[in-house]
Amino acid sequence: MRTLIITTVAVAMLAAAGAASAQMPAPADMIKAWDKNSDGGVSKDEWVAAGRPAERFEMVDANKDGKVVATELEAAMAAMRQSNGG
């Protein structure tokens, strides 16, 4: 009986984790929400205003143009998932 309860709890936790990751917005939607001046990219000021760590901006701004666009954010997110084993 105890094994059944532990297994049930473990399955429920895995399902909840999967649902949480499935609900993450697309990078393009995140950029659109953070891009307050609607210029198609997120400046460092907009990045910080969105609650993102300032020190991560440069890591995501791959072409170093001072703006993060959806493709850069998508690539950074993919690299983070890969480095975390997921």
PDB file of N, CA and C in Angstrom:
ATOM      1  N   MET A   1       0.825  -1.193   0.000  1.00  0.00           N
ATOM      2  CA  MET A   1       0.000   0.000   0.000  1.00  0.00           C
ATOM      3  C   MET A   1       0.867   1.254   0.000  1.00  0.00           C
ATOM      4  N   ARG A   2       1.924   1.239   0.832  1.00  0.00           N
ATOM      5  CA  ARG A   2       2.809   2.403   0.916  1.00  0.00           C
ATOM      6  C   ARG A   2       3.475   2.679  -0.437  1.00  0.00           C
ATOM      7  N   THR A   3       3.886   1.623  -1.122  1.00  0.00           N
ATOM      8  CA  THR A   3       4.512   1.778  -2.439  1.00  0.00           C
ATOM      9  C   THR A   3       3.542   2.409  -3.426  1.00  0.00           C
ATOM     10  N   LEU A   4       2.287   2.020  -3.365  1.00  0.00           N
ATOM     11  CA  LEU A   4       1.274   2.591  -4.253  1.00  0.00           C
ATOM     12  C   LEU A   4       1.107   4.084  -3.991  1.00  0.00           C
ATOM     13  N   ILE A   5       1.087   4.485  -2.750  1.00  0.00           N
ATOM     14  CA  ILE A   5       0.945   5.905  -2.401  1.00  0.00           C
ATOM     15  C   ILE A   5       2.151   6.694  -2.892  1.00  0.00           C
ATOM     16  N   ILE A   6       3.353   6.179  -2.649  1.00  0.00           N
ATOM     17  CA  ILE A   6       4.569   6.868  -3.090  1.00  0.00           C
ATOM     18  C   ILE A   6       4.593   6.985  -4.607  1.00  0.00           C
ATOM     19  N   THR A   7       4.235   5.929  -5.290  1.00  0.00           N
ATOM     20  CA  THR A   7       4.202   5.956  -6.752  1.00  0.00           C
ATOM     21  C   THR A   7       3.177   6.957  -7.255  1.00  0.00           C
ATOM     22  N   THR A   8       2.018   6.999  -6.647  1.00  0.00           N
ATOM     23  CA  THR A   8       0.966   7.929  -7.045  1.00  0.00           C
ATOM     24  C   THR A   8       1.419   9.378  -6.852  1.00  0.00           C
ATOM     25  N   VAL A   9       2.062   9.658  -5.726  1.00  0.00           N
ATOM     26  CA  VAL A   9       2.559  11.010  -5.465  1.00  0.00           C
ATOM     27  C   VAL A   9       3.641  11.386  -6.484  1.00  0.00           C
ATOM     28  N   ALA A  10       4.536  10.461  -6.776  1.00  0.00           N
ATOM     29  CA  ALA A  10       5.601  10.723  -7.742  1.00  0.00           C
ATOM     30  C   ALA A  10       5.027  11.015  -9.125  1.00  0.00           C
ATOM     31  N   VAL A  11       4.044  10.241  -9.544  1.00  0.00           N
ATOM     32  CA  VAL A  11       3.408  10.465 -10.850  1.00  0.00           C
ATOM     33  C   VAL A  11       2.710  11.817 -10.880  1.00  0.00           C
ATOM     34  N   ALA A  12       2.036  12.175  -9.804  1.00  0.00           N
ATOM     35  CA  ALA A  12       1.353  13.468  -9.738  1.00  0.00           C
ATOM     36  C   ALA A  12       2.349  14.619  -9.821  1.00  0.00           C
ATOM     37  N   MET A  13       3.495  14.471  -9.148  1.00  0.00           N
ATOM     38  CA  MET A  13       4.515  15.528  -9.194  1.00  0.00           C
ATOM     39  C   MET A  13       5.098  15.660 -10.590  1.00  0.00           C
ATOM     40  N   LEU A  14       5.357  14.560 -11.255  1.00  0.00           N
ATOM     41  CA  LEU A  14       5.874  14.609 -12.625  1.00  0.00           C
ATOM     42  C   LEU A  14       4.854  15.247 -13.569  1.00  0.00           C
ATOM     43  N   ALA A  15       3.598  14.916 -13.394  1.00  0.00           N
ATOM     44  CA  ALA A  15       2.551  15.501 -14.233  1.00  0.00           C
ATOM     45  C   ALA A  15       2.462  17.005 -14.015  1.00  0.00           C
ATOM     46  N   ALA A  16       2.560  17.433 -12.771  1.00  0.00           N
ATOM     47  CA  ALA A  16       2.513  18.864 -12.470  1.00  0.00           C
ATOM     48  C   ALA A  16       3.712  19.584 -13.063  1.00  0.00           C
ATOM     49  N   ALA A  17       4.886  18.989 -12.995  1.00  0.00           N
ATOM     50  CA  ALA A  17       6.085  19.600 -13.574  1.00  0.00           C
ATOM     51  C   ALA A  17       5.957  19.708 -15.084  1.00  0.00           C
ATOM     52  N   GLY A  18       5.420  18.681 -15.712  1.00  0.00           N
ATOM     53  CA  GLY A  18       5.217  18.719 -17.158  1.00  0.00           C
ATOM     54  C   GLY A  18       4.212  19.783 -17.554  1.00  0.00           C
ATOM     55  N   ALA A  19       3.162  19.926 -16.792  1.00  0.00           N
ATOM     56  CA  ALA A  19       2.154  20.943 -17.089  1.00  0.00           C
ATOM     57  C   ALA A  19       2.736  22.337 -16.934  1.00  0.00           C
ATOM     58  N   ALA A  20       3.581  22.541 -15.940  1.00  0.00           N
ATOM     59  CA  ALA A  20       4.183  23.856 -15.726  1.00  0.00           C
ATOM     60  C   ALA A  20       5.092  24.229 -16.883  1.00  0.00           C
ATOM     61  N   SER A  21       5.898  23.290 -17.370  1.00  0.00           N
ATOM     62  CA  SER A  21       6.791  23.613 -18.484  1.00  0.00           C
ATOM     63  C   SER A  21       6.019  23.775 -19.781  1.00  0.00           C
ATOM     64  N   ALA A  22       4.915  23.079 -19.927  1.00  0.00           N
ATOM     65  CA  ALA A  22       4.102  23.207 -21.134  1.00  0.00           C
ATOM     66  C   ALA A  22       3.411  24.563 -21.201  1.00  0.00           C
ATOM     67  N   GLN A  23       3.255  25.231 -20.066  1.00  0.00           N
ATOM     68  CA  GLN A  23       2.560  26.503 -20.028  1.00  0.00           C
ATOM     69  C   GLN A  23       3.488  27.700 -20.206  1.00  0.00           C
ATOM     70  N   MET A  24       4.787  27.472 -20.363  1.00  0.00           N
ATOM     71  CA  MET A  24       5.716  28.580 -20.544  1.00  0.00           C
ATOM     72  C   MET A  24       5.395  29.273 -21.878  1.00  0.00           C
ATOM     73  N   PRO A  25       5.277  30.587 -21.868  1.00  0.00           N
ATOM     74  CA  PRO A  25       4.964  31.297 -23.109  1.00  0.00           C
ATOM     75  C   PRO A  25       6.078  31.151 -24.144  1.00  0.00           C
ATOM     76  N   ALA A  26       5.719  31.294 -25.377  1.00  0.00           N
ATOM     77  CA  ALA A  26       6.701  31.255 -26.463  1.00  0.00           C
ATOM     78  C   ALA A  26       7.608  32.479 -26.354  1.00  0.00           C
ATOM     79  N   PRO A  27       8.880  32.339 -26.764  1.00  0.00           N
ATOM     80  CA  PRO A  27       9.796  33.487 -26.707  1.00  0.00           C
ATOM     81  C   PRO A  27       9.242  34.738 -27.399  1.00  0.00           C
ATOM     82  N   ALA A  28       8.570  34.567 -28.529  1.00  0.00           N
ATOM     83  CA  ALA A  28       8.012  35.728 -29.233  1.00  0.00           C
ATOM     84  C   ALA A  28       6.961  36.435 -28.377  1.00  0.00           C
ATOM     85  N   ASP A  29       6.172  35.665 -27.650  1.00  0.00           N
ATOM     86  CA  ASP A  29       5.160  36.261 -26.770  1.00  0.00           C
ATOM     87  C   ASP A  29       5.805  36.970 -25.591  1.00  0.00           C
ATOM     88  N   MET A  30       6.894  36.405 -25.083  1.00  0.00           N
ATOM     89  CA  MET A  30       7.609  37.043 -23.978  1.00  0.00           C
ATOM     90  C   MET A  30       8.201  38.375 -24.434  1.00  0.00           C
ATOM     91  N   ILE A  31       8.827  38.375 -25.602  1.00  0.00           N
ATOM     92  CA  ILE A  31       9.410  39.611 -26.132  1.00  0.00           C
ATOM     93  C   ILE A  31       8.315  40.657 -26.334  1.00  0.00           C
ATOM     94  N   LYS A  32       7.198  40.248 -26.895  1.00  0.00           N
ATOM     95  CA  LYS A  32       6.089  41.187 -27.129  1.00  0.00           C
ATOM     96  C   LYS A  32       5.609  41.809 -25.821  1.00  0.00           C
ATOM     97  N   ALA A  33       5.534  41.005 -24.768  1.00  0.00           N
ATOM     98  CA  ALA A  33       5.073  41.508 -23.469  1.00  0.00           C
ATOM     99  C   ALA A  33       6.086  42.464 -22.846  1.00  0.00           C
ATOM    100  N   TRP A  34       7.362  42.201 -23.019  1.00  0.00           N
ATOM    101  CA  TRP A  34       8.408  43.014 -22.404  1.00  0.00           C
ATOM    102  C   TRP A  34       8.761  44.247 -23.224  1.00  0.00           C
ATOM    103  N   ASP A  35       8.448  44.252 -24.523  1.00  0.00           N
ATOM    104  CA  ASP A  35       8.835  45.323 -25.454  1.00  0.00           C
ATOM    105  C   ASP A  35       7.866  46.503 -25.323  1.00  0.00           C
ATOM    106  N   LYS A  36       8.124  47.363 -24.368  1.00  0.00           N
ATOM    107  CA  LYS A  36       7.192  48.446 -24.049  1.00  0.00           C
ATOM    108  C   LYS A  36       7.113  49.528 -25.117  1.00  0.00           C
ATOM    109  N   ASN A  37       8.170  49.718 -25.925  1.00  0.00           N
ATOM    110  CA  ASN A  37       8.101  50.737 -26.974  1.00  0.00           C
ATOM    111  C   ASN A  37       7.768  50.136 -28.338  1.00  0.00           C
ATOM    112  N   SER A  38       7.468  48.859 -28.374  1.00  0.00           N
ATOM    113  CA  SER A  38       7.011  48.158 -29.585  1.00  0.00           C
ATOM    114  C   SER A  38       7.965  48.294 -30.770  1.00  0.00           C
ATOM    115  N   ASP A  39       9.260  48.233 -30.493  1.00  0.00           N
ATOM    116  CA  ASP A  39      10.217  48.318 -31.599  1.00  0.00           C
ATOM    117  C   ASP A  39      10.699  46.945 -32.062  1.00  0.00           C
ATOM    118  N   GLY A  40      10.136  45.881 -31.506  1.00  0.00           N
ATOM    119  CA  GLY A  40      10.471  44.533 -31.940  1.00  0.00           C
ATOM    120  C   GLY A  40      11.593  43.879 -31.164  1.00  0.00           C
ATOM    121  N   GLY A  41      12.188  44.608 -30.242  1.00  0.00           N
ATOM    122  CA  GLY A  41      13.261  44.059 -29.419  1.00  0.00           C
ATOM    123  C   GLY A  41      13.162  44.596 -28.015  1.00  0.00           C
ATOM    124  N   VAL A  42      13.858  43.930 -27.116  1.00  0.00           N
ATOM    125  CA  VAL A  42      13.840  44.324 -25.715  1.00  0.00           C
ATOM    126  C   VAL A  42      15.196  44.922 -25.358  1.00  0.00           C
ATOM    127  N   SER A  43      15.183  46.188 -24.951  1.00  0.00           N
ATOM    128  CA  SER A  43      16.410  46.845 -24.508  1.00  0.00           C
ATOM    129  C   SER A  43      16.763  46.345 -23.109  1.00  0.00           C
ATOM    130  N   LYS A  44      17.948  46.690 -22.646  1.00  0.00           N
ATOM    131  CA  LYS A  44      18.344  46.271 -21.300  1.00  0.00           C
ATOM    132  C   LYS A  44      17.407  46.873 -20.256  1.00  0.00           C
ATOM    133  N   ASP A  45      16.987  48.120 -20.451  1.00  0.00           N
ATOM    134  CA  ASP A  45      16.054  48.745 -19.509  1.00  0.00           C
ATOM    135  C   ASP A  45      14.721  47.991 -19.474  1.00  0.00           C
ATOM    136  N   GLU A  46      14.212  47.599 -20.644  1.00  0.00           N
ATOM    137  CA  GLU A  46      12.956  46.847 -20.706  1.00  0.00           C
ATOM    138  C   GLU A  46      13.142  45.461 -20.072  1.00  0.00           C
ATOM    139  N   TRP A  47      14.283  44.859 -20.307  1.00  0.00           N
ATOM    140  CA  TRP A  47      14.615  43.546 -19.741  1.00  0.00           C
ATOM    141  C   TRP A  47      14.552  43.592 -18.212  1.00  0.00           C
ATOM    142  N   VAL A  48      15.219  44.587 -17.644  1.00  0.00           N
ATOM    143  CA  VAL A  48      15.253  44.739 -16.184  1.00  0.00           C
ATOM    144  C   VAL A  48      13.858  45.086 -15.652  1.00  0.00           C
ATOM    145  N   ALA A  49      13.139  45.959 -16.355  1.00  0.00           N
ATOM    146  CA  ALA A  49      11.789  46.336 -15.939  1.00  0.00           C
ATOM    147  C   ALA A  49      10.845  45.126 -15.930  1.00  0.00           C
ATOM    148  N   ALA A  50      11.151  44.125 -16.776  1.00  0.00           N
ATOM    149  CA  ALA A  50      10.338  42.908 -16.826  1.00  0.00           C
ATOM    150  C   ALA A  50      10.721  41.928 -15.716  1.00  0.00           C
ATOM    151  N   GLY A  51      11.685  42.332 -14.876  1.00  0.00           N
ATOM    152  CA  GLY A  51      12.075  41.481 -13.768  1.00  0.00           C
ATOM    153  C   GLY A  51      13.185  40.490 -14.085  1.00  0.00           C
ATOM    154  N   ARG A  52      13.828  40.671 -15.216  1.00  0.00           N
ATOM    155  CA  ARG A  52      14.919  39.785 -15.612  1.00  0.00           C
ATOM    156  C   ARG A  52      16.231  40.292 -15.034  1.00  0.00           C
ATOM    157  N   PRO A  53      17.151  39.396 -14.660  1.00  0.00           N
ATOM    158  CA  PRO A  53      18.444  39.822 -14.101  1.00  0.00           C
ATOM    159  C   PRO A  53      19.287  40.583 -15.130  1.00  0.00           C
ATOM    160  N   ALA A  54      19.754  41.759 -14.753  1.00  0.00           N
ATOM    161  CA  ALA A  54      20.538  42.602 -15.659  1.00  0.00           C
ATOM    162  C   ALA A  54      21.751  41.872 -16.217  1.00  0.00           C
ATOM    163  N   GLU A  55      22.401  41.058 -15.357  1.00  0.00           N
ATOM    164  CA  GLU A  55      23.622  40.390 -15.798  1.00  0.00           C
ATOM    165  C   GLU A  55      23.380  39.314 -16.859  1.00  0.00           C
ATOM    166  N   ARG A  56      22.142  38.898 -17.045  1.00  0.00           N
ATOM    167  CA  ARG A  56      21.841  37.894 -18.077  1.00  0.00           C
ATOM    168  C   ARG A  56      21.578  38.517 -19.441  1.00  0.00           C
ATOM    169  N   PHE A  57      21.323  39.808 -19.473  1.00  0.00           N
ATOM    170  CA  PHE A  57      20.996  40.461 -20.740  1.00  0.00           C
ATOM    171  C   PHE A  57      22.087  40.232 -21.779  1.00  0.00           C
ATOM    172  N   GLU A  58      23.337  40.469 -21.397  1.00  0.00           N
ATOM    173  CA  GLU A  58      24.443  40.334 -22.341  1.00  0.00           C
ATOM    174  C   GLU A  58      24.596  38.902 -22.839  1.00  0.00           C
ATOM    175  N   MET A  59      24.274  37.930 -21.991  1.00  0.00           N
ATOM    176  CA  MET A  59      24.362  36.523 -22.406  1.00  0.00           C
ATOM    177  C   MET A  59      23.317  36.189 -23.469  1.00  0.00           C
ATOM    178  N   VAL A  60      22.169  36.823 -23.395  1.00  0.00           N
ATOM    179  CA  VAL A  60      21.087  36.526 -24.334  1.00  0.00           C
ATOM    180  C   VAL A  60      21.207  37.357 -25.612  1.00  0.00           C
ATOM    181  N   ASP A  61      21.739  38.565 -25.505  1.00  0.00           N
ATOM    182  CA  ASP A  61      21.918  39.446 -26.666  1.00  0.00           C
ATOM    183  C   ASP A  61      23.098  38.939 -27.503  1.00  0.00           C
ATOM    184  N   ALA A  62      22.849  37.917 -28.288  1.00  0.00           N
ATOM    185  CA  ALA A  62      23.912  37.201 -29.006  1.00  0.00           C
ATOM    186  C   ALA A  62      24.696  38.082 -29.980  1.00  0.00           C
ATOM    187  N   ASN A  63      24.013  38.998 -30.672  1.00  0.00           N
ATOM    188  CA  ASN A  63      24.721  39.826 -31.657  1.00  0.00           C
ATOM    189  C   ASN A  63      25.202  41.150 -31.075  1.00  0.00           C
ATOM    190  N   LYS A  64      25.001  41.343 -29.776  1.00  0.00           N
ATOM    191  CA  LYS A  64      25.499  42.508 -29.029  1.00  0.00           C
ATOM    192  C   LYS A  64      25.052  43.845 -29.630  1.00  0.00           C
ATOM    193  N   ASP A  65      23.783  43.887 -30.073  1.00  0.00           N
ATOM    194  CA  ASP A  65      23.248  45.132 -30.624  1.00  0.00           C
ATOM    195  C   ASP A  65      22.431  45.937 -29.618  1.00  0.00           C
ATOM    196  N   GLY A  66      22.392  45.469 -28.371  1.00  0.00           N
ATOM    197  CA  GLY A  66      21.667  46.189 -27.338  1.00  0.00           C
ATOM    198  C   GLY A  66      20.192  45.868 -27.268  1.00  0.00           C
ATOM    199  N   LYS A  67      19.752  44.868 -28.028  1.00  0.00           N
ATOM    200  CA  LYS A  67      18.359  44.432 -28.003  1.00  0.00           C
ATOM    201  C   LYS A  67      18.309  42.921 -28.052  1.00  0.00           C
ATOM    202  N   VAL A  68      17.360  42.370 -27.324  1.00  0.00           N
ATOM    203  CA  VAL A  68      17.095  40.935 -27.386  1.00  0.00           C
ATOM    204  C   VAL A  68      15.835  40.747 -28.209  1.00  0.00           C
ATOM    205  N   VAL A  69      15.934  39.926 -29.243  1.00  0.00           N
ATOM    206  CA  VAL A  69      14.776  39.599 -30.077  1.00  0.00           C
ATOM    207  C   VAL A  69      14.390  38.146 -29.828  1.00  0.00           C
ATOM    208  N   ALA A  70      13.256  37.753 -30.348  1.00  0.00           N
ATOM    209  CA  ALA A  70      12.698  36.424 -30.065  1.00  0.00           C
ATOM    210  C   ALA A  70      13.664  35.301 -30.424  1.00  0.00           C
ATOM    211  N   THR A  71      14.359  35.400 -31.550  1.00  0.00           N
ATOM    212  CA  THR A  71      15.269  34.317 -31.940  1.00  0.00           C
ATOM    213  C   THR A  71      16.432  34.179 -30.959  1.00  0.00           C
ATOM    214  N   GLU A  72      16.916  35.297 -30.429  1.00  0.00           N
ATOM    215  CA  GLU A  72      17.992  35.245 -29.437  1.00  0.00           C
ATOM    216  C   GLU A  72      17.495  34.627 -28.133  1.00  0.00           C
ATOM    217  N   LEU A  73      16.301  35.021 -27.716  1.00  0.00           N
ATOM    218  CA  LEU A  73      15.736  34.469 -26.486  1.00  0.00           C
ATOM    219  C   LEU A  73      15.466  32.982 -26.651  1.00  0.00           C
ATOM    220  N   GLU A  74      14.951  32.585 -27.791  1.00  0.00           N
ATOM    221  CA  GLU A  74      14.678  31.179 -28.055  1.00  0.00           C
ATOM    222  C   GLU A  74      15.972  30.357 -28.009  1.00  0.00           C
ATOM    223  N   ALA A  75      17.030  30.870 -28.625  1.00  0.00           N
ATOM    224  CA  ALA A  75      18.317  30.164 -28.614  1.00  0.00           C
ATOM    225  C   ALA A  75      18.882  30.063 -27.201  1.00  0.00           C
ATOM    226  N   ALA A  76      18.768  31.132 -26.429  1.00  0.00           N
ATOM    227  CA  ALA A  76      19.266  31.111 -25.054  1.00  0.00           C
ATOM    228  C   ALA A  76      18.481  30.122 -24.200  1.00  0.00           C
ATOM    229  N   MET A  77      17.177  30.077 -24.388  1.00  0.00           N
ATOM    230  CA  MET A  77      16.347  29.151 -23.632  1.00  0.00           C
ATOM    231  C   MET A  77      16.681  27.707 -24.001  1.00  0.00           C
ATOM    232  N   ALA A  78      16.905  27.447 -25.290  1.00  0.00           N
ATOM    233  CA  ALA A  78      17.264  26.110 -25.732  1.00  0.00           C
ATOM    234  C   ALA A  78      18.617  25.695 -25.153  1.00  0.00           C
ATOM    235  N   ALA A  79      19.571  26.602 -25.142  1.00  0.00           N
ATOM    236  CA  ALA A  79      20.883  26.305 -24.574  1.00  0.00           C
ATOM    237  C   ALA A  79      20.779  26.020 -23.082  1.00  0.00           C
ATOM    238  N   MET A  80      19.921  26.757 -22.384  1.00  0.00           N
ATOM    239  CA  MET A  80      19.735  26.534 -20.954  1.00  0.00           C
ATOM    240  C   MET A  80      19.097  25.175 -20.701  1.00  0.00           C
ATOM    241  N   ARG A  81      18.102  24.836 -21.498  1.00  0.00           N
ATOM    242  CA  ARG A  81      17.462  23.513 -21.339  1.00  0.00           C
ATOM    243  C   ARG A  81      18.483  22.404 -21.580  1.00  0.00           C
ATOM    244  N   GLN A  82      19.315  22.562 -22.600  1.00  0.00           N
ATOM    245  CA  GLN A  82      20.305  21.546 -22.928  1.00  0.00           C
ATOM    246  C   GLN A  82      21.350  21.414 -21.817  1.00  0.00           C
ATOM    247  N   SER A  83      21.775  22.526 -21.263  1.00  0.00           N
ATOM    248  CA  SER A  83      22.778  22.474 -20.202  1.00  0.00           C
ATOM    249  C   SER A  83      22.217  21.907 -18.901  1.00  0.00           C
ATOM    250  N   ASN A  84      20.888  21.996 -18.747  1.00  0.00           N
ATOM    251  CA  ASN A  84      20.236  21.446 -17.553  1.00  0.00           C
ATOM    252  C   ASN A  84      19.801  20.010 -17.762  1.00  0.00           C
ATOM    253  N   GLY A  85      20.136  19.463 -18.919  1.00  0.00           N
ATOM    254  CA  GLY A  85      19.797  18.065 -19.182  1.00  0.00           C
ATOM    255  C   GLY A  85      18.367  17.837 -19.604  1.00  0.00           C
ATOM    256  N   GLY A  86      17.675  18.888 -20.010  1.00  0.00           N
ATOM    257  CA  GLY A  86      16.274  18.695 -20.375  1.00  0.00           C
ATOM    258  C   GLY A  86      15.992  19.302 -21.641  1.00  0.00           C
TER     259      GLY A  86
END
